[in-house]
PDB file of N, CA and C in Angstrom:
ATOM      1  N   MET A   1       1.939 -22.611  11.549  1.00  0.00           N
ATOM      2  CA  MET A   1       3.215 -22.059  11.081  1.00  0.00           C
ATOM      3  C   MET A   1       3.578 -20.832  11.331  1.00  0.00           C
ATOM      4  N   GLU A   2       4.718 -20.180  12.199  1.00  0.00           N
ATOM      5  CA  GLU A   2       4.971 -18.562  12.182  1.00  0.00           C
ATOM      6  C   GLU A   2       6.303 -18.255  11.876  1.00  0.00           C
ATOM      7  N   ASN A   3       6.820 -17.321  11.543  1.00  0.00           N
ATOM      8  CA  ASN A   3       7.821 -16.997  10.977  1.00  0.00           C
ATOM      9  C   ASN A   3       8.635 -16.217  12.352  1.00  0.00           C
ATOM     10  N   ILE A   4       9.881 -15.332  11.617  1.00  0.00           N
ATOM     11  CA  ILE A   4      10.429 -14.699  12.177  1.00  0.00           C
ATOM     12  C   ILE A   4       9.752 -12.729  13.049  1.00  0.00           C
ATOM     13  N   ALA A   5       9.040 -12.961  11.884  1.00  0.00           N
ATOM     14  CA  ALA A   5       8.218 -11.250  11.676  1.00  0.00           C
ATOM     15  C   ALA A   5       6.847 -11.923  12.503  1.00  0.00           C
ATOM     16  N   GLY A   6       6.492 -13.002  13.133  1.00  0.00           N
ATOM     17  CA  GLY A   6       5.481 -13.342  13.626  1.00  0.00           C
ATOM     18  C   GLY A   6       4.212 -13.743  12.419  1.00  0.00           C
ATOM     19  N   GLU A   7       4.366 -13.361  11.674  1.00  0.00           N
ATOM     20  CA  GLU A   7       3.078 -13.929  10.602  1.00  0.00           C
ATOM     21  C   GLU A   7       3.113 -15.131   9.695  1.00  0.00           C
ATOM     22  N   SER A   8       2.315 -15.262   9.658  1.00  0.00           N
ATOM     23  CA  SER A   8       1.654 -16.863   9.426  1.00  0.00           C
ATOM     24  C   SER A   8       2.274 -17.083   7.941  1.00  0.00           C
ATOM     25  N   THR A   9       2.612 -18.006   7.176  1.00  0.00           N
ATOM     26  CA  THR A   9       3.135 -17.677   6.128  1.00  0.00           C
ATOM     27  C   THR A   9       1.445 -17.476   4.967  1.00  0.00           C
ATOM     28  N   ARG A  10       0.632 -18.010   5.244  1.00  0.00           N
ATOM     29  CA  ARG A  10      -0.353 -17.409   5.031  1.00  0.00           C
ATOM     30  C   ARG A  10      -0.822 -16.062   5.243  1.00  0.00           C
ATOM     31  N   GLN A  11      -0.732 -15.220   5.569  1.00  0.00           N
ATOM     32  CA  GLN A  11      -0.504 -14.140   5.522  1.00  0.00           C
ATOM     33  C   GLN A  11       0.259 -13.197   4.832  1.00  0.00           C
ATOM     34  N   GLN A  12       1.957 -13.634   4.798  1.00  0.00           N
ATOM     35  CA  GLN A  12       2.705 -13.299   4.013  1.00  0.00           C
ATOM     36  C   GLN A  12       2.191 -12.901   2.652  1.00  0.00           C
ATOM     37  N   LYS A  13       1.483 -14.607   2.770  1.00  0.00           N
ATOM     38  CA  LYS A  13       1.553 -14.753   0.609  1.00  0.00           C
ATOM     39  C   LYS A  13       0.027 -13.719   0.438  1.00  0.00           C
ATOM     40  N   VAL A  14      -0.896 -13.369   1.373  1.00  0.00           N
ATOM     41  CA  VAL A  14      -2.227 -12.882   1.167  1.00  0.00           C
ATOM     42  C   VAL A  14      -1.549 -11.033   1.043  1.00  0.00           C
ATOM     43  N   ALA A  15      -0.762 -10.687   2.060  1.00  0.00           N
ATOM     44  CA  ALA A  15      -0.005  -9.338   2.022  1.00  0.00           C
ATOM     45  C   ALA A  15       1.146  -9.250   0.243  1.00  0.00           C
ATOM     46  N   ARG A  16       1.846 -10.486  -0.015  1.00  0.00           N
ATOM     47  CA  ARG A  16       2.072 -10.220  -1.250  1.00  0.00           C
ATOM     48  C   ARG A  16       1.173 -10.163  -2.364  1.00  0.00           C
ATOM     49  N   GLN A  17       0.397 -10.393  -2.155  1.00  0.00           N
ATOM     50  CA  GLN A  17      -0.444 -10.845  -3.242  1.00  0.00           C
ATOM     51  C   GLN A  17      -1.338  -8.936  -3.337  1.00  0.00           C
ATOM     52  N   ILE A  18      -1.845  -8.280  -1.819  1.00  0.00           N
ATOM     53  CA  ILE A  18      -2.235  -7.749  -2.446  1.00  0.00           C
ATOM     54  C   ILE A  18      -1.558  -6.622  -2.509  1.00  0.00           C
ATOM     55  N   GLN A  19      -0.161  -6.470  -2.324  1.00  0.00           N
ATOM     56  CA  GLN A  19       1.142  -5.512  -2.772  1.00  0.00           C
ATOM     57  C   GLN A  19       1.029  -5.420  -4.123  1.00  0.00           C
ATOM     58  N   LYS A  20       1.172  -6.738  -4.590  1.00  0.00           N
ATOM     59  CA  LYS A  20       0.757  -6.498  -6.464  1.00  0.00           C
ATOM     60  C   LYS A  20       0.123  -5.869  -6.758  1.00  0.00           C
ATOM     61  N   ASP A  21      -1.193  -6.440  -6.221  1.00  0.00           N
ATOM     62  CA  ASP A  21      -2.360  -5.796  -7.296  1.00  0.00           C
ATOM     63  C   ASP A  21      -2.825  -4.539  -6.694  1.00  0.00           C
ATOM     64  N   ILE A  22      -2.702  -4.014  -5.463  1.00  0.00           N
ATOM     65  CA  ILE A  22      -2.788  -2.653  -5.481  1.00  0.00           C
ATOM     66  C   ILE A  22      -1.465  -1.540  -6.115  1.00  0.00           C
ATOM     67  N   SER A  23      -0.682  -2.487  -6.577  1.00  0.00           N
ATOM     68  CA  SER A  23       0.476  -1.550  -7.429  1.00  0.00           C
ATOM     69  C   SER A  23      -0.042  -1.277  -9.255  1.00  0.00           C
ATOM     70  N   GLU A  24      -0.756  -2.526  -9.418  1.00  0.00           N
ATOM     71  CA  GLU A  24      -0.661  -2.589 -10.640  1.00  0.00           C
ATOM     72  C   GLU A  24      -2.530  -2.065 -10.659  1.00  0.00           C
ATOM     73  N   LEU A  25      -3.295  -1.642  -9.530  1.00  0.00           N
ATOM     74  CA  LEU A  25      -3.935  -1.107  -9.787  1.00  0.00           C
ATOM     75  C   LEU A  25      -3.834   0.419 -10.193  1.00  0.00           C
ATOM     76  N   PHE A  26      -3.124   1.042  -8.983  1.00  0.00           N
ATOM     77  CA  PHE A  26      -2.047   2.149  -9.594  1.00  0.00           C
ATOM     78  C   PHE A  26      -2.075   2.588 -10.603  1.00  0.00           C
ATOM     79  N   LEU A  27      -1.372   1.950 -11.289  1.00  0.00           N
ATOM     80  CA  LEU A  27      -0.893   1.781 -12.781  1.00  0.00           C
ATOM     81  C   LEU A  27      -2.294   2.163 -13.945  1.00  0.00           C
ATOM     82  N   LYS A  28      -3.249   1.139 -13.590  1.00  0.00           N
ATOM     83  CA  LYS A  28      -4.156   0.995 -14.493  1.00  0.00           C
ATOM     84  C   LYS A  28      -5.740   1.520 -13.842  1.00  0.00           C
ATOM     85  N   GLU A  29      -6.791   0.959 -13.308  1.00  0.00           N
ATOM     86  CA  GLU A  29      -7.571   1.815 -12.833  1.00  0.00           C
ATOM     87  C   GLU A  29      -7.666   3.056 -12.115  1.00  0.00           C
ATOM     88  N   CYS A  30      -7.037   3.013 -11.420  1.00  0.00           N
ATOM     89  CA  CYS A  30      -7.084   4.026  -9.998  1.00  0.00           C
ATOM     90  C   CYS A  30      -5.777   5.224 -10.837  1.00  0.00           C
ATOM     91  N   ALA A  31      -5.259   5.122 -11.822  1.00  0.00           N
ATOM     92  CA  ALA A  31      -4.644   5.927 -12.222  1.00  0.00           C
ATOM     93  C   ALA A  31      -4.598   7.342 -12.073  1.00  0.00           C
ATOM     94  N   ASP A  32      -6.194   7.738 -12.120  1.00  0.00           N
ATOM     95  CA  ASP A  32      -6.478   9.017 -12.070  1.00  0.00           C
ATOM     96  C   ASP A  32      -6.421   9.337 -10.139  1.00  0.00           C
ATOM     97  N   LEU A  33      -6.288   8.726  -9.339  1.00  0.00           N
ATOM     98  CA  LEU A  33      -5.829   9.091  -8.070  1.00  0.00           C
ATOM     99  C   LEU A  33      -4.507   9.399  -8.391  1.00  0.00           C
ATOM    100  N   VAL A  34      -3.578   9.349  -9.019  1.00  0.00           N
ATOM    101  CA  VAL A  34      -1.884   9.013  -8.669  1.00  0.00           C
ATOM    102  C   VAL A  34      -1.116   9.549  -9.461  1.00  0.00           C
ATOM    103  N   LYS A  35      -2.094  10.685 -10.411  1.00  0.00           N
ATOM    104  CA  LYS A  35      -1.715  11.396 -11.231  1.00  0.00           C
ATOM    105  C   LYS A  35      -0.368  12.561 -11.186  1.00  0.00           C
ATOM    106  N   GLY A  36       0.432  12.150 -11.683  1.00  0.00           N
ATOM    107  CA  GLY A  36       1.253  13.391 -11.767  1.00  0.00           C
ATOM    108  C   GLY A  36       2.363  12.930 -10.713  1.00  0.00           C
ATOM    109  N   VAL A  37       2.629  12.002  -9.648  1.00  0.00           N
ATOM    110  CA  VAL A  37       2.985  11.370  -9.031  1.00  0.00           C
ATOM    111  C   VAL A  37       3.200  10.048  -9.489  1.00  0.00           C
ATOM    112  N   ILE A  38       4.620   9.609  -8.393  1.00  0.00           N
ATOM    113  CA  ILE A  38       5.219   7.753  -8.433  1.00  0.00           C
ATOM    114  C   ILE A  38       4.958   7.638  -7.250  1.00  0.00           C
ATOM    115  N   VAL A  39       4.420   5.938  -7.116  1.00  0.00           N
ATOM    116  CA  VAL A  39       3.637   5.456  -6.259  1.00  0.00           C
ATOM    117  C   VAL A  39       4.044   4.530  -5.677  1.00  0.00           C
ATOM    118  N   SER A  40       4.452   4.155  -4.822  1.00  0.00           N
ATOM    119  CA  SER A  40       5.154   2.654  -4.831  1.00  0.00           C
ATOM    120  C   SER A  40       4.155   2.309  -3.257  1.00  0.00           C
ATOM    121  N   VAL A  41       4.307   0.809  -3.385  1.00  0.00           N
ATOM    122  CA  VAL A  41       3.685   0.343  -2.494  1.00  0.00           C
ATOM    123  C   VAL A  41       5.193  -0.409  -1.688  1.00  0.00           C
ATOM    124  N   THR A  42       4.969   0.002  -0.361  1.00  0.00           N
ATOM    125  CA  THR A  42       6.325  -0.310   0.033  1.00  0.00           C
ATOM    126  C   THR A  42       6.393  -1.478   0.839  1.00  0.00           C
ATOM    127  N   ALA A  43       4.769  -1.740   1.399  1.00  0.00           N
ATOM    128  CA  ALA A  43       4.421  -3.241   2.512  1.00  0.00           C
ATOM    129  C   ALA A  43       3.400  -2.733   2.877  1.00  0.00           C
ATOM    130  N   VAL A  44       3.048  -3.911   2.906  1.00  0.00           N
ATOM    131  CA  VAL A  44       1.237  -4.450   3.581  1.00  0.00           C
ATOM    132  C   VAL A  44       1.679  -5.618   4.439  1.00  0.00           C
ATOM    133  N   ARG A  45       0.640  -4.965   5.491  1.00  0.00           N
ATOM    134  CA  ARG A  45       0.531  -5.898   6.926  1.00  0.00           C
ATOM    135  C   ARG A  45      -1.039  -6.073   7.128  1.00  0.00           C
ATOM    136  N   VAL A  46      -1.213  -8.085   6.717  1.00  0.00           N
ATOM    137  CA  VAL A  46      -2.534  -7.992   7.252  1.00  0.00           C
ATOM    138  C   VAL A  46      -2.647  -8.620   8.617  1.00  0.00           C
ATOM    139  N   SER A  47      -3.672  -8.508   9.043  1.00  0.00           N
ATOM    140  CA  SER A  47      -4.169  -8.928  10.470  1.00  0.00           C
ATOM    141  C   SER A  47      -3.916 -10.566  10.292  1.00  0.00           C
ATOM    142  N   PRO A  48      -4.376 -11.264  11.476  1.00  0.00           N
ATOM    143  CA  PRO A  48      -4.233 -12.889  11.708  1.00  0.00           C
ATOM    144  C   PRO A  48      -5.244 -13.089  11.028  1.00  0.00           C
ATOM    145  N   ASP A  49      -6.321 -12.562  11.576  1.00  0.00           N
ATOM    146  CA  ASP A  49      -7.695 -12.953  10.654  1.00  0.00           C
ATOM    147  C   ASP A  49      -7.768 -12.977   8.906  1.00  0.00           C
ATOM    148  N   LEU A  50      -7.094 -11.774   8.677  1.00  0.00           N
ATOM    149  CA  LEU A  50      -6.969 -11.629   7.136  1.00  0.00           C
ATOM    150  C   LEU A  50      -8.651 -10.928   6.887  1.00  0.00           C
ATOM    151  N   GLU A  51      -9.088  -9.819   7.929  1.00  0.00           N
ATOM    152  CA  GLU A  51      -9.815  -8.803   7.738  1.00  0.00           C
ATOM    153  C   GLU A  51      -9.606  -7.584   7.777  1.00  0.00           C
ATOM    154  N   TYR A  52      -7.841  -7.247   7.986  1.00  0.00           N
ATOM    155  CA  TYR A  52      -7.815  -5.899   7.593  1.00  0.00           C
ATOM    156  C   TYR A  52      -6.034  -5.822   7.144  1.00  0.00           C
ATOM    157  N   ALA A  53      -6.123  -4.946   6.372  1.00  0.00           N
ATOM    158  CA  ALA A  53      -4.556  -4.715   5.903  1.00  0.00           C
ATOM    159  C   ALA A  53      -4.547  -3.445   6.059  1.00  0.00           C
ATOM    160  N   LYS A  54      -2.830  -2.605   6.365  1.00  0.00           N
ATOM    161  CA  LYS A  54      -2.375  -1.860   5.977  1.00  0.00           C
ATOM    162  C   LYS A  54      -1.555  -1.684   5.383  1.00  0.00           C
ATOM    163  N   ILE A  55      -1.661  -0.804   4.142  1.00  0.00           N
ATOM    164  CA  ILE A  55      -1.037  -0.333   2.874  1.00  0.00           C
ATOM    165  C   ILE A  55      -0.163   0.826   3.072  1.00  0.00           C
ATOM    166  N   TYR A  56       1.481   0.584   3.038  1.00  0.00           N
ATOM    167  CA  TYR A  56       2.320   1.477   3.146  1.00  0.00           C
ATOM    168  C   TYR A  56       2.509   1.818   2.254  1.00  0.00           C
ATOM    169  N   LEU A  57       2.687   3.334   1.601  1.00  0.00           N
ATOM    170  CA  LEU A  57       2.735   4.024   0.401  1.00  0.00           C
ATOM    171  C   LEU A  57       4.192   4.975   0.496  1.00  0.00           C
ATOM    172  N   SER A  58       4.958   4.808  -0.445  1.00  0.00           N
ATOM    173  CA  SER A  58       6.279   6.130  -0.954  1.00  0.00           C
ATOM    174  C   SER A  58       5.491   6.637  -2.037  1.00  0.00           C
ATOM    175  N   ILE A  59       5.342   8.206  -1.313  1.00  0.00           N
ATOM    176  CA  ILE A  59       4.969   8.958  -2.717  1.00  0.00           C
ATOM    177  C   ILE A  59       6.331   9.767  -3.693  1.00  0.00           C
ATOM    178  N   PHE A  60       6.675  10.201  -4.440  1.00  0.00           N
ATOM    179  CA  PHE A  60       7.539  11.199  -4.644  1.00  0.00           C
ATOM    180  C   PHE A  60       6.432  11.906  -5.929  1.00  0.00           C
ATOM    181  N   PRO A  61       7.383  12.734  -6.240  1.00  0.00           N
ATOM    182  CA  PRO A  61       7.931  14.171  -4.984  1.00  0.00           C
ATOM    183  C   PRO A  61       6.885  14.213  -3.841  1.00  0.00           C
ATOM    184  N   PHE A  62       7.640  14.252  -2.695  1.00  0.00           N
ATOM    185  CA  PHE A  62       7.084  13.875  -1.394  1.00  0.00           C
ATOM    186  C   PHE A  62       6.361  15.006  -1.178  1.00  0.00           C
ATOM    187  N   ASP A  63       6.716  16.419  -1.800  1.00  0.00           N
ATOM    188  CA  ASP A  63       6.185  17.330  -1.492  1.00  0.00           C
ATOM    189  C   ASP A  63       4.289  17.691  -1.309  1.00  0.00           C
ATOM    190  N   LYS A  64       4.252  16.291  -2.809  1.00  0.00           N
ATOM    191  CA  LYS A  64       2.522  16.369  -3.170  1.00  0.00           C
ATOM    192  C   LYS A  64       2.020  15.166  -2.249  1.00  0.00           C
ATOM    193  N   HIS A  65       2.746  14.850  -1.307  1.00  0.00           N
ATOM    194  CA  HIS A  65       2.412  13.421  -0.630  1.00  0.00           C
ATOM    195  C   HIS A  65       0.630  13.491  -0.210  1.00  0.00           C
ATOM    196  N   GLU A  66       0.223  15.218   0.477  1.00  0.00           N
ATOM    197  CA  GLU A  66      -0.638  15.172   1.522  1.00  0.00           C
ATOM    198  C   GLU A  66      -2.015  15.075   0.202  1.00  0.00           C
ATOM    199  N   ALA A  67      -1.592  16.048  -0.901  1.00  0.00           N
ATOM    200  CA  ALA A  67      -2.739  15.633  -1.840  1.00  0.00           C
ATOM    201  C   ALA A  67      -2.963  14.275  -2.439  1.00  0.00           C
ATOM    202  N   VAL A  68      -1.747  13.727  -2.391  1.00  0.00           N
ATOM    203  CA  VAL A  68      -2.396  12.247  -3.272  1.00  0.00           C
ATOM    204  C   VAL A  68      -2.882  10.801  -2.220  1.00  0.00           C
ATOM    205  N   MET A  69      -2.414  11.523  -0.988  1.00  0.00           N
ATOM    206  CA  MET A  69      -2.593  10.838   0.012  1.00  0.00           C
ATOM    207  C   MET A  69      -4.917  10.997   0.398  1.00  0.00           C
ATOM    208  N   ALA A  70      -4.935  11.943   0.302  1.00  0.00           N
ATOM    209  CA  ALA A  70      -6.338  12.670   0.552  1.00  0.00           C
ATOM    210  C   ALA A  70      -7.337  11.845  -0.495  1.00  0.00           C
ATOM    211  N   ARG A  71      -6.558  12.219  -1.976  1.00  0.00           N
ATOM    212  CA  ARG A  71      -7.251  11.080  -2.585  1.00  0.00           C
ATOM    213  C   ARG A  71      -7.023   9.925  -2.341  1.00  0.00           C
ATOM    214  N   ILE A  72      -6.396   8.861  -2.362  1.00  0.00           N
ATOM    215  CA  ILE A  72      -6.355   8.204  -2.470  1.00  0.00           C
ATOM    216  C   ILE A  72      -7.722   7.490  -1.178  1.00  0.00           C
ATOM    217  N   GLU A  73      -7.489   7.852  -0.034  1.00  0.00           N
ATOM    218  CA  GLU A  73      -8.080   7.611   1.003  1.00  0.00           C
ATOM    219  C   GLU A  73      -9.470   7.996   1.111  1.00  0.00           C
ATOM    220  N   ALA A  74     -10.104   9.124   0.257  1.00  0.00           N
ATOM    221  CA  ALA A  74     -11.181   9.266  -0.362  1.00  0.00           C
ATOM    222  C   ALA A  74     -11.621   8.254  -1.285  1.00  0.00           C
ATOM    223  N   ASP A  75     -10.827   7.499  -1.432  1.00  0.00           N
ATOM    224  CA  ASP A  75     -11.645   6.297  -2.917  1.00  0.00           C
ATOM    225  C   ASP A  75     -11.169   5.116  -2.257  1.00  0.00           C
ATOM    226  N   ALA A  76     -10.760   4.963  -1.076  1.00  0.00           N
ATOM    227  CA  ALA A  76     -10.481   3.697  -0.641  1.00  0.00           C
ATOM    228  C   ALA A  76     -11.117   2.583  -1.283  1.00  0.00           C
ATOM    229  N   TRP A  77     -12.836   3.334  -0.385  1.00  0.00           N
ATOM    230  CA  TRP A  77     -14.127   1.889  -1.246  1.00  0.00           C
ATOM    231  C   TRP A  77     -13.970   1.315  -2.220  1.00  0.00           C
ATOM    232  N   ARG A  78     -13.515   2.450  -3.338  1.00  0.00           N
ATOM    233  CA  ARG A  78     -13.159   1.975  -4.963  1.00  0.00           C
ATOM    234  C   ARG A  78     -12.019   0.916  -5.365  1.00  0.00           C
ATOM    235  N   VAL A  79     -10.862   1.242  -4.359  1.00  0.00           N
ATOM    236  CA  VAL A  79      -9.492   0.653  -4.531  1.00  0.00           C
ATOM    237  C   VAL A  79     -10.064  -0.785  -3.760  1.00  0.00           C
ATOM    238  N   ARG A  80     -10.614  -0.841  -2.567  1.00  0.00           N
ATOM    239  CA  ARG A  80     -11.162  -2.425  -2.320  1.00  0.00           C
ATOM    240  C   ARG A  80     -12.041  -2.815  -3.177  1.00  0.00           C
ATOM    241  N   LYS A  81     -13.225  -2.083  -3.684  1.00  0.00           N
ATOM    242  CA  LYS A  81     -13.380  -3.073  -4.622  1.00  0.00           C
ATOM    243  C   LYS A  81     -13.185  -3.562  -5.846  1.00  0.00           C
ATOM    244  N   LEU A  82     -12.140  -3.131  -6.305  1.00  0.00           N
ATOM    245  CA  LEU A  82     -11.420  -3.026  -7.070  1.00  0.00           C
ATOM    246  C   LEU A  82     -10.138  -4.541  -7.079  1.00  0.00           C
ATOM    247  N   LEU A  83      -9.717  -4.588  -5.571  1.00  0.00           N
ATOM    248  CA  LEU A  83      -9.190  -5.451  -4.879  1.00  0.00           C
ATOM    249  C   LEU A  83      -9.715  -6.772  -4.809  1.00  0.00           C
ATOM    250  N   GLY A  84     -11.517  -6.283  -4.176  1.00  0.00           N
ATOM    251  CA  GLY A  84     -12.332  -7.604  -4.357  1.00  0.00           C
ATOM    252  C   GLY A  84     -12.152  -8.546  -5.270  1.00  0.00           C
ATOM    253  N   ALA A  85     -12.525  -7.926  -6.712  1.00  0.00           N
ATOM    254  CA  ALA A  85     -12.521  -8.250  -7.845  1.00  0.00           C
ATOM    255  C   ALA A  85     -11.102  -8.757  -8.261  1.00  0.00           C
ATOM    256  N   ARG A  86     -10.182  -8.934  -7.876  1.00  0.00           N
ATOM    257  CA  ARG A  86      -9.194  -9.420  -8.247  1.00  0.00           C
ATOM    258  C   ARG A  86      -8.580 -10.558  -7.739  1.00  0.00           C
ATOM    259  N   MET A  87      -9.390 -10.544  -6.332  1.00  0.00           N
ATOM    260  CA  MET A  87      -9.009 -11.513  -4.763  1.00  0.00           C
ATOM    261  C   MET A  87     -10.175 -12.425  -4.734  1.00  0.00           C
ATOM    262  N   ARG A  88     -11.037 -12.341  -5.568  1.00  0.00           N
ATOM    263  CA  ARG A  88     -12.635 -12.983  -5.314  1.00  0.00           C
ATOM    264  C   ARG A  88     -12.323 -14.887  -5.114  1.00  0.00           C
ATOM    265  N   ASN A  89     -11.894 -15.103  -5.789  1.00  0.00           N
ATOM    266  CA  ASN A  89     -11.004 -16.524  -5.873  1.00  0.00           C
ATOM    267  C   ASN A  89     -10.194 -16.794  -4.579  1.00  0.00           C
ATOM    268  N   GLN A  90     -10.019 -15.719  -4.057  1.00  0.00           N
ATOM    269  CA  GLN A  90      -8.618 -16.374  -3.086  1.00  0.00           C
ATOM    270  C   GLN A  90      -8.860 -16.188  -1.649  1.00  0.00           C
ATOM    271  N   LEU A  91      -9.777 -15.169  -2.082  1.00  0.00           N
ATOM    272  CA  LEU A  91     -10.118 -15.102  -0.209  1.00  0.00           C
ATOM    273  C   LEU A  91     -11.747 -15.255   0.332  1.00  0.00           C
ATOM    274  N   ARG A  92     -11.992 -15.613   1.184  1.00  0.00           N
ATOM    275  CA  ARG A  92     -13.693 -15.289   1.118  1.00  0.00           C
ATOM    276  C   ARG A  92     -14.109 -13.702   2.004  1.00  0.00           C
ATOM    277  N   VAL A  93     -13.001 -13.172   2.374  1.00  0.00           N
ATOM    278  CA  VAL A  93     -13.616 -11.314   2.746  1.00  0.00           C
ATOM    279  C   VAL A  93     -12.840 -10.410   2.771  1.00  0.00           C
ATOM    280  N   VAL A  94     -12.622  -9.498   1.824  1.00  0.00           N
ATOM    281  CA  VAL A  94     -12.104  -8.795   0.998  1.00  0.00           C
ATOM    282  C   VAL A  94     -11.428  -8.375   2.557  1.00  0.00           C
ATOM    283  N   PRO A  95     -10.246  -8.064   2.906  1.00  0.00           N
ATOM    284  CA  PRO A  95      -9.943  -7.466   3.711  1.00  0.00           C
ATOM    285  C   PRO A  95     -10.319  -5.581   4.148  1.00  0.00           C
ATOM    286  N   GLU A  96     -10.329  -5.137   5.103  1.00  0.00           N
ATOM    287  CA  GLU A  96     -10.361  -3.584   5.266  1.00  0.00           C
ATOM    288  C   GLU A  96      -9.780  -3.166   5.016  1.00  0.00           C
ATOM    289  N   ILE A  97      -9.382  -2.005   4.015  1.00  0.00           N
ATOM    290  CA  ILE A  97      -7.742  -1.571   3.484  1.00  0.00           C
ATOM    291  C   ILE A  97      -7.945  -0.134   4.378  1.00  0.00           C
ATOM    292  N   THR A  98      -6.500   0.217   5.110  1.00  0.00           N
ATOM    293  CA  THR A  98      -6.129   1.329   5.856  1.00  0.00           C
ATOM    294  C   THR A  98      -4.869   1.752   4.781  1.00  0.00           C
ATOM    295  N   PHE A  99      -4.500   2.917   4.397  1.00  0.00           N
ATOM    296  CA  PHE A  99      -3.333   3.770   3.830  1.00  0.00           C
ATOM    297  C   PHE A  99      -2.343   4.776   4.508  1.00  0.00           C
ATOM    298  N   PHE A 100      -1.537   4.148   4.549  1.00  0.00           N
ATOM    299  CA  PHE A 100      -0.070   4.793   5.630  1.00  0.00           C
ATOM    300  C   PHE A 100       0.738   5.486   4.509  1.00  0.00           C
ATOM    301  N   LEU A 101       1.282   6.782   4.875  1.00  0.00           N
ATOM    302  CA  LEU A 101       2.758   7.314   4.048  1.00  0.00           C
ATOM    303  C   LEU A 101       3.688   5.911   4.615  1.00  0.00           C
ATOM    304  N   ASP A 102       4.523   6.353   4.010  1.00  0.00           N
ATOM    305  CA  ASP A 102       5.365   5.281   4.294  1.00  0.00           C
ATOM    306  C   ASP A 102       6.856   6.726   3.856  1.00  0.00           C
ATOM    307  N   ASP A 103       7.041   7.381   4.809  1.00  0.00           N
ATOM    308  CA  ASP A 103       8.482   8.592   4.672  1.00  0.00           C
ATOM    309  C   ASP A 103       9.542   8.302   4.678  1.00  0.00           C
ATOM    310  N   SER A 104      10.063   6.660   4.898  1.00  0.00           N
ATOM    311  CA  SER A 104      11.506   6.288   4.830  1.00  0.00           C
ATOM    312  C   SER A 104      12.586   7.078   3.968  1.00  0.00           C
ATOM    313  N   LEU A 105      12.270   7.553   2.492  1.00  0.00           N
ATOM    314  CA  LEU A 105      13.056   7.699   1.185  1.00  0.00           C
ATOM    315  C   LEU A 105      12.716   9.127   1.809  1.00  0.00           C
ATOM    316  N   GLU A 106      11.952   9.874   2.207  1.00  0.00           N
ATOM    317  CA  GLU A 106      12.259  11.258   2.617  1.00  0.00           C
ATOM    318  C   GLU A 106      13.485  11.816   3.881  1.00  0.00           C
ATOM    319  N   TYR A 107      12.809  10.646   4.671  1.00  0.00           N
ATOM    320  CA  TYR A 107      14.097  10.662   5.851  1.00  0.00           C
ATOM    321  C   TYR A 107      15.250   9.992   5.139  1.00  0.00           C
ATOM    322  N   ILE A 108      15.310   9.267   4.659  1.00  0.00           N
ATOM    323  CA  ILE A 108      16.648   9.055   4.090  1.00  0.00           C
ATOM    324  C   ILE A 108      17.646  10.335   2.874  1.00  0.00           C
ATOM    325  N   GLU A 109      16.980  11.245   2.504  1.00  0.00           N
ATOM    326  CA  GLU A 109      17.298  12.208   1.620  1.00  0.00           C
ATOM    327  C   GLU A 109      17.127  13.212   2.320  1.00  0.00           C
ATOM    328  N   ASN A 110      16.534  13.259   3.953  1.00  0.00           N
ATOM    329  CA  ASN A 110      16.729  14.167   4.748  1.00  0.00           C
ATOM    330  C   ASN A 110      18.304  14.108   5.045  1.00  0.00           C
ATOM    331  N   ILE A 111      18.771  12.793   5.578  1.00  0.00           N
ATOM    332  CA  ILE A 111      19.760  11.978   6.357  1.00  0.00           C
ATOM    333  C   ILE A 111      20.771  12.518   5.284  1.00  0.00           C
ATOM    334  N   ASP A 112      20.687  12.136   4.462  1.00  0.00           N
ATOM    335  CA  ASP A 112      21.767  12.333   3.153  1.00  0.00           C
ATOM    336  C   ASP A 112      22.065  14.024   2.461  1.00  0.00           C
ATOM    337  N   ASN A 113      21.331  14.675   2.672  1.00  0.00           N
ATOM    338  CA  ASN A 113      21.365  16.326   2.507  1.00  0.00           C
ATOM    339  C   ASN A 113      22.120  16.988   3.810  1.00  0.00           C
ATOM    340  N   LEU A 114      21.937  16.677   4.815  1.00  0.00           N
ATOM    341  CA  LEU A 114      22.697  16.727   6.243  1.00  0.00           C
ATOM    342  C   LEU A 114      23.838  16.409   6.366  1.00  0.00           C
ATOM    343  N   LEU A 115      24.489  15.183   5.721  1.00  0.00           N
ATOM    344  CA  LEU A 115      25.230  14.590   5.884  1.00  0.00           C
ATOM    345  C   LEU A 115      26.488  15.735   4.897  1.00  0.00           C
ATOM    346  N   LYS A 116      25.649  15.592   3.776  1.00  0.00           N
ATOM    347  CA  LYS A 116      26.358  16.722   2.621  1.00  0.00           C
ATOM    348  C   LYS A 116      27.003  17.799   3.111  1.00  0.00           C
ATOM    349  N   LYS A 117      26.022  18.623   4.289  1.00  0.00           N
ATOM    350  CA  LYS A 117      26.560  19.931   4.386  1.00  0.00           C
ATOM    351  C   LYS A 117      27.507  19.903   5.173  1.00  0.00           C
TER     352      LYS A 117
END
């Protein structure tokens, strides 16, 4: 059964669970990676075979995004390991995870500033 976005119900459920778990990991076990900034998991896209997950992060303040993304990408193996510990009873294989910067908030702020001028 496929929905409008082309993702199966299973993909959506797994994506929502990954989004929730990654958010909690950044608050608790991986707080050292996001120290001094606010990181939100804005979206998760899971491949049809559930083996790959693209995780989109929004970082505030935006001017620190490069350093934070570098720390997160360098420790992606640890995030995946902790994610696997949380999802071990739900999935046969923990997806390979890749992090992407969601700069839509920065874009909106830019447009807003331009409109105010």
